[in-house]
Protein backbone atom coordinates (compact mmCIF):
# COMPACT_ATOMS: atom_id res chain seq x y z
CA MET A 1 6.21 60.39 -3.49
CA LYS A 2 9.32 58.19 -2.96
CA SER A 3 7.23 55.11 -1.89
CA LYS A 4 5.13 55.59 -5.04
CA THR A 5 8.12 55.73 -7.37
CA SER A 6 9.69 52.63 -5.64
CA GLN A 7 6.43 50.60 -6.02
CA LYS A 8 6.03 51.53 -9.80
CA ILE A 9 9.76 50.28 -10.45
CA LYS A 10 8.91 46.88 -8.68
CA GLU A 11 5.75 46.52 -10.52
CA LYS A 12 7.74 47.24 -13.67
CA MET A 13 10.32 44.49 -12.62
CA ILE A 14 7.41 42.16 -11.96
CA GLU A 15 5.79 42.82 -15.61
CA ASP A 16 9.24 42.55 -17.30
CA PHE A 17 10.02 39.27 -15.53
CA ALA A 18 6.64 37.73 -16.60
CA GLU A 19 7.30 38.69 -20.34
CA LEU A 20 10.88 36.94 -19.96
CA LEU A 21 9.00 33.85 -18.62
CA LYS A 22 6.62 33.87 -21.41
CA LYS A 23 9.33 34.46 -23.93
CA ASP A 24 11.09 31.41 -22.98
CA LEU A 25 8.32 29.22 -21.98
CA LYS A 26 9.49 26.38 -24.24
CA ASP A 27 12.79 26.58 -23.04
CA LYS A 28 12.94 24.48 -19.79
CA PHE A 29 16.44 25.20 -19.13
CA LYS A 30 16.16 28.94 -19.65
CA THR A 31 12.77 29.01 -17.63
CA GLU A 32 14.62 26.86 -14.55
CA MET A 33 17.56 29.53 -14.59
CA HIS A 34 15.15 32.34 -14.36
CA LEU A 35 13.41 30.43 -11.51
CA LYS A 36 16.56 30.22 -9.57
CA SER A 37 18.02 33.66 -9.97
CA THR A 38 18.20 35.84 -6.99
CA GLU A 39 15.88 38.58 -8.97
CA PHE A 40 13.03 36.09 -9.25
CA ASN A 41 13.41 35.45 -5.31
CA GLU A 42 13.00 39.17 -4.41
CA ILE A 43 10.34 39.52 -6.95
CA LEU A 44 8.46 36.37 -5.46
CA LYS A 45 8.72 38.21 -1.86
CA ASP A 46 7.25 41.23 -3.23
CA ILE A 47 4.34 39.53 -5.05
CA LEU A 48 3.27 37.38 -1.78
CA LYS A 49 3.49 40.63 0.40
CA HIS A 50 0.38 42.04 -1.46
CA PRO A 51 -3.06 40.42 -0.63
CA TYR A 52 -4.57 41.12 -4.11
CA LYS A 53 -2.50 39.81 -6.70
CA LYS A 54 -2.50 41.08 -10.37
CA GLU A 55 -2.89 38.87 -13.43
CA THR A 56 0.77 39.02 -13.89
CA ASP A 57 1.59 38.01 -10.35
CA ILE A 58 -0.69 35.01 -10.90
CA TYR A 59 1.13 33.90 -14.00
CA ILE A 60 4.50 34.20 -12.32
CA LEU A 61 3.34 32.08 -9.38
CA ASN A 62 1.71 29.78 -11.60
CA THR A 63 4.92 29.09 -13.52
CA TYR A 64 7.06 28.62 -10.11
CA LEU A 65 4.43 26.22 -8.81
CA LYS A 66 4.61 24.04 -12.07
CA SER A 67 8.47 23.69 -11.23
CA LEU A 68 7.66 21.99 -7.95
CA LYS A 69 7.62 18.48 -8.94
CA LYS A 70 6.22 16.94 -5.72
CA PHE A 71 3.44 19.58 -5.23
CA MET A 72 2.29 19.02 -9.02
CA SER A 73 2.54 15.08 -8.77
CA ILE A 74 -0.08 15.47 -5.47
CA ILE A 75 -2.20 18.17 -7.24
CA GLN A 76 -2.47 16.31 -10.56
CA SER A 77 -2.92 13.06 -8.93
CA GLU A 78 -5.97 14.29 -6.90
CA ASN A 79 -7.49 16.67 -9.45
CA SER A 80 -6.94 14.92 -12.68
CA HIS A 81 -10.43 15.50 -14.10
CA TYR A 82 -10.17 19.27 -13.14
CA ASP A 83 -8.65 22.22 -14.99
CA ILE A 84 -5.37 22.52 -13.18
CA GLU A 85 -4.52 25.92 -14.64
CA ASP A 86 -7.52 27.32 -13.01
CA LEU A 87 -6.55 25.27 -9.77
CA LEU A 88 -3.04 26.74 -9.81
CA SER A 89 -4.40 30.19 -10.43
CA LYS A 90 -6.54 30.07 -7.47
CA ILE A 91 -3.85 28.58 -5.25
CA SER A 92 -1.56 31.25 -6.21
CA SER A 93 -3.94 34.01 -5.34
CA ASN A 94 -4.16 32.40 -1.87
CA LEU A 95 -0.35 32.17 -1.18
CA SER A 96 0.75 34.25 1.79
CA PRO A 97 4.32 35.50 2.97
CA LEU A 98 5.85 33.73 6.26
CA GLN A 99 9.33 35.21 7.98
CA VAL A 100 10.70 32.95 10.85
CA GLU A 101 14.01 33.87 12.58
CA GLN A 102 16.22 31.04 13.06
CA ASN A 103 16.43 28.56 15.94
CA ASN A 104 12.67 28.30 16.17
CA MET A 105 10.53 25.27 15.23
CA LEU A 106 8.00 26.03 12.59
CA MET A 107 5.72 22.65 13.11
CA ARG A 108 5.95 19.92 15.24
CA ILE A 109 5.10 16.24 14.79
CA GLY A 110 1.72 15.10 15.77
CA GLU A 111 0.24 18.79 15.22
CA PRO A 112 -2.64 19.09 12.78
CA GLY A 113 -1.41 19.74 9.26
CA ASP A 114 -2.78 23.02 8.40
CA PHE A 115 -0.26 24.73 5.92
CA PHE A 116 1.67 23.84 2.94
CA TYR A 117 5.33 25.53 2.49
CA ILE A 118 7.43 26.65 0.09
CA ILE A 119 11.00 27.97 1.03
CA LEU A 120 11.79 31.09 -0.69
CA SER A 121 15.03 31.87 1.32
CA GLY A 122 16.74 30.46 4.61
CA SER A 123 16.85 26.81 5.47
CA VAL A 124 15.11 24.14 7.76
CA ALA A 125 15.84 20.80 9.21
CA VAL A 126 13.55 17.85 9.17
CA LEU A 127 13.36 15.82 12.26
CA VAL A 128 11.90 12.52 12.99
CA THR A 129 11.48 10.73 16.21
CA LYS A 130 13.58 7.84 17.57
CA ILE A 131 13.94 5.73 20.68
CA ILE A 132 16.80 6.38 22.91
CA SER A 133 18.36 4.19 25.42
CA ILE A 134 20.01 6.28 28.06
CA TYR A 135 21.24 6.13 31.88
CA MET A 136 19.55 8.67 34.05
CA SER A 137 18.92 9.15 38.01
CA PRO A 138 15.09 9.47 39.24
CA GLU A 139 15.34 13.33 39.57
CA GLN A 140 16.99 13.44 35.89
CA TYR A 141 14.25 11.38 34.32
CA ILE A 142 11.53 13.61 36.02
CA HIS A 143 13.33 16.82 35.03
CA HIS A 144 13.61 15.65 31.33
CA LEU A 145 9.66 14.41 31.22
CA LYS A 146 8.89 17.90 32.52
CA ILE A 147 11.11 19.38 29.58
CA LEU A 148 9.14 17.36 26.98
CA TYR A 149 5.83 17.99 28.17
CA ASN A 150 6.38 21.64 28.03
CA ASN A 151 8.20 21.67 24.94
CA GLU A 152 7.45 18.60 22.65
CA PRO A 153 4.24 17.04 23.86
CA TYR A 154 4.39 14.23 21.17
CA LEU A 155 7.79 13.20 22.54
CA TYR A 156 6.14 13.31 26.01
CA GLU A 157 3.54 10.98 24.91
CA GLY A 158 6.02 8.78 23.26
CA THR A 159 8.09 8.60 26.45
CA ILE A 160 5.16 8.06 28.68
CA LYS A 161 4.07 4.76 26.46
CA LEU A 162 7.73 3.67 26.72
CA HIS A 163 7.53 3.85 30.51
CA THR A 164 7.55 0.27 32.37
CA LYS A 165 7.46 -1.30 35.41
CA THR A 166 11.10 -1.26 35.84
CA SER A 167 11.38 2.61 35.03
CA TYR A 168 11.32 5.09 37.77
CA PHE A 169 8.17 6.06 39.59
CA ILE A 170 6.57 9.05 38.03
CA ASN A 171 2.99 11.09 38.80
CA GLN A 172 2.16 12.71 35.76
CA ASP A 173 0.06 15.02 37.31
CA GLU A 174 2.75 16.50 39.09
CA ILE A 175 4.72 16.66 35.82
CA GLN A 176 2.16 18.56 33.87
CA LYS A 177 1.49 21.07 36.64
CA ASP A 178 5.13 22.48 36.59
CA GLU A 179 5.25 25.21 33.92
CA ASN A 180 9.04 26.22 34.65
CA PHE A 181 10.62 24.04 31.95
CA ILE A 182 9.58 25.85 28.84
CA LEU A 183 12.97 26.54 26.85
CA SER A 184 12.78 30.12 26.34
CA GLY A 185 14.92 33.18 27.25
CA ASN A 186 18.36 32.15 28.63
CA ASN A 187 17.48 28.76 28.35
CA LYS A 188 16.41 28.90 24.69
CA PRO A 189 18.72 26.50 22.44
CA ARG A 190 21.23 28.36 20.11
CA SER A 191 21.29 25.82 17.35
CA LEU A 192 19.77 22.74 15.95
CA GLU A 193 22.13 20.32 17.92
CA ASP A 194 21.64 22.38 21.00
CA TYR A 195 17.74 21.67 20.72
CA ILE A 196 18.27 17.89 19.80
CA ALA A 197 20.50 17.65 23.17
CA TRP A 198 17.80 19.17 25.04
CA MET A 199 15.31 16.76 23.66
CA ASN A 200 17.43 13.79 23.88
CA GLY A 201 18.14 14.20 27.36
CA GLU A 202 21.82 15.00 26.95
CA LYS A 203 21.80 18.41 28.58
CA ILE A 204 20.55 17.07 32.34
CA ILE A 205 22.81 13.89 32.57
CA ASP A 206 25.21 14.11 35.82
CA LYS A 207 27.41 10.92 35.03
CA SER A 208 28.58 11.43 38.64
CA SER A 209 25.42 10.21 40.19
CA ILE A 210 25.55 6.72 41.26
CA TYR A 211 21.62 6.07 41.01
CA HIS A 212 21.58 5.64 37.23
CA LYS A 213 19.12 3.10 35.79
CA GLU A 214 18.35 2.67 31.76
CA VAL A 215 15.54 4.08 30.74
CA LYS A 216 13.99 4.63 27.24
CA ILE A 217 12.67 8.10 25.98
CA MET A 218 11.52 9.39 22.54
CA GLY A 219 13.91 11.51 21.06
CA TYR A 220 14.53 13.30 17.74
CA PHE A 221 17.30 13.04 15.00
CA LYS A 222 17.77 14.84 11.80
CA VAL A 223 16.82 13.39 8.35
CA THR A 224 17.74 16.05 5.79
CA ASP A 225 17.99 19.89 5.42
CA LEU A 226 15.79 21.63 3.02
CA THR A 227 16.77 25.14 1.43
CA ARG A 228 15.53 27.49 -1.14
CA GLY A 229 13.10 25.84 -3.79
CA ASN A 230 12.22 23.08 -1.46
CA SER A 231 8.59 22.50 -0.49
CA PHE A 232 6.98 20.50 2.47
CA GLY A 233 3.57 19.97 4.02
CA GLU A 234 1.77 19.29 0.94
CA ILE A 235 -0.33 15.89 2.37
CA ALA A 236 -2.06 18.70 4.82
CA LEU A 237 -3.72 20.09 1.47
CA ILE A 238 -5.53 16.72 0.48
CA GLU A 239 -6.03 14.90 4.09
CA ALA A 240 -8.42 15.88 6.35
CA GLN A 241 -7.36 15.74 10.07
CA HIS A 242 -3.84 15.12 8.99
CA LYS A 243 -1.27 14.97 11.78
CA ARG A 244 2.34 16.08 10.98
CA THR A 245 4.62 13.04 10.52
CA ALA A 246 8.02 15.14 11.19
CA SER A 247 9.06 18.33 12.84
CA ILE A 248 10.49 21.36 11.02
CA TYR A 249 13.28 23.40 12.71
CA VAL A 250 14.36 26.50 11.22
CA THR A 251 18.27 26.72 11.07
CA GLN A 252 18.53 30.05 9.21
CA ASN A 253 16.39 33.33 9.07
CA SER A 254 13.78 32.08 6.48
CA PHE A 255 11.27 33.52 4.31
CA PHE A 256 8.35 31.24 3.15
CA GLY A 257 5.21 31.29 0.80
CA ARG A 258 2.64 29.09 2.32
CA LEU A 259 -1.03 28.15 1.64
CA SER A 260 -3.60 26.90 4.30
CA SER A 261 -5.55 23.89 3.90
CA ASN A 262 -8.88 26.03 4.19
CA ALA A 263 -7.70 28.20 1.26
CA TYR A 264 -7.12 24.90 -0.83
CA LYS A 265 -10.44 23.55 -0.13
CA LYS A 266 -12.15 26.91 -0.81
CA SER A 267 -10.39 27.12 -4.40
CA MET A 268 -11.37 23.38 -4.89
CA LYS A 269 -14.97 24.28 -4.17
CA LYS A 270 -15.11 27.23 -6.47
CA ILE A 271 -13.59 25.09 -9.31
CA GLN A 272 -16.27 22.34 -8.34
CA GLU A 273 -18.98 24.68 -8.59
CA LYS A 274 -18.01 26.30 -11.87
CA ILE A 275 -17.79 22.70 -13.20
CA LYS A 276 -21.33 22.00 -11.89
CA ARG A 277 -22.41 24.96 -13.72
CA ASP A 278 -20.71 24.29 -16.83
CA ASN A 279 -22.17 20.83 -16.85
CA ILE A 280 -25.65 22.02 -16.26
CA GLU A 281 -25.45 24.60 -19.19
CA PHE A 282 -24.05 21.91 -21.44
CA VAL A 283 -26.59 19.62 -21.09
CA PHE A 284 -29.35 22.31 -20.94
CA ASN A 285 -28.19 23.47 -24.44
CA THR A 286 -28.93 20.03 -26.01
CA GLN A 287 -32.17 19.61 -28.11
CA LEU A 288 -33.81 17.53 -25.37
CA PHE A 289 -33.79 20.17 -22.75
CA ASN A 290 -33.12 23.74 -24.07
CA GLN A 291 -37.00 24.16 -24.35
CA LEU A 292 -37.42 24.30 -20.38
CA SER A 293 -36.56 26.82 -18.03
CA LEU A 294 -32.53 26.93 -17.24
CA LYS A 295 -33.60 27.94 -13.53
CA LEU A 296 -35.83 25.13 -13.31
CA PHE A 297 -33.77 22.72 -14.86
CA SER A 298 -30.63 23.77 -12.77
CA ARG A 299 -32.58 23.15 -9.62
CA SER A 300 -33.56 19.76 -10.61
CA TYR A 301 -30.46 18.58 -12.35
CA TRP A 302 -28.69 16.94 -9.37
CA ASN A 303 -32.13 14.92 -8.54
CA TYR A 304 -31.77 13.00 -12.12
CA PHE A 305 -28.19 13.32 -13.35
CA ILE A 306 -25.07 11.60 -12.03
CA ASN A 307 -21.61 12.52 -12.87
CA ARG A 308 -19.48 9.42 -13.62
CA LYS A 309 -15.93 9.14 -14.53
CA ILE A 310 -14.72 6.31 -16.99
CA SER A 311 -11.43 5.25 -17.16
CA LYS A 312 -9.89 3.67 -20.41
CA GLY A 313 -10.92 0.05 -20.63
CA ASP A 314 -14.16 0.30 -18.58
CA TYR A 315 -17.50 -0.55 -20.07
CA LEU A 316 -19.88 2.35 -19.89
CA PHE A 317 -22.76 -0.17 -20.53
CA LYS A 318 -22.79 -3.53 -22.42
CA GLU A 319 -25.10 -5.32 -24.91
CA GLY A 320 -28.28 -6.70 -23.25
CA HIS A 321 -28.47 -4.12 -20.32
CA GLU A 322 -31.61 -2.14 -19.81
CA ARG A 323 -32.20 1.09 -21.69
CA ASP A 324 -33.24 3.27 -18.84
CA GLU A 325 -30.50 5.95 -18.71
CA ILE A 326 -29.36 8.58 -21.43
CA TYR A 327 -25.52 9.73 -21.52
CA TYR A 328 -23.85 12.90 -22.15
CA ILE A 329 -20.12 13.17 -22.55
CA ILE A 330 -19.02 16.46 -21.02
CA ILE A 331 -15.19 15.67 -21.13
CA PHE A 332 -12.96 13.14 -22.94
CA TYR A 333 -9.31 12.74 -23.85
CA LEU A 334 -7.94 11.30 -27.06
CA LYS A 335 -4.70 10.36 -27.38
CA ASN A 336 -2.91 10.12 -30.63
CA TYR A 337 -0.25 7.23 -31.39
């Protein structure tokens, strides 16, 4: 009984917040304040935890997505001829929650990019690679390669490419067989600085050794921190076979909203299919074709019709061209000056 009452209270809070957003829709400052509030953060988490989202939930999520400038610029540039509101609604319905504890790697450079993330609470660090010159003994160098191979494959491959004839002799088969160098349990790094020190070879250097030689390794450095309201991984939604260009390390217990590239593609496919149906129906209802069977017309439409997008300043046809086509304007934009 208590659980049902609690759920009803949450639902009422969500409905009230949606009404508040609608009321202040034209006031950008107030809308921004609402979206930055602690109350909104908790509401967002509750919405994402439910796989089936109501119309009110979708409205709140859409409003939030529109406030993410980087995300919106990518979505609009890639889908300028689609109904953005419809696309956002489909994206919102597919957003899912993810909680990650601090001192964990969320994604690694070189891995397939399959999710877009929004930080709802917590913080992460963005790491990129750099080439490091460091003095190591033969044993230390092999030890470090084993750490990289078991924890950061991209850094391992980068270090192997830097390996030269002047470096120490290595046997990659032997390195790759040893699985005792995964950083976990007592050896798990306790902070971002600790993790970077491990990856940059600083944890295994014994300066008392006289058998040191300068070697080059691929390591990490921090570019920036991202906190609540930031998003990352947008390119994964629009580029097939995209590889991550940075690593993300979770520096505080964090809660994310995320969207898979597959869910995004399915959303796009649904919209494209709807546009196709609308286009067919539009042309069918013209005087030239409305005497035919809609089923037959729909089946043969793509054999005879081609969709073309014409930009401002382009010619559709010129005087003197053969008159072998007819044109239907499905969508056009008129700008008043």
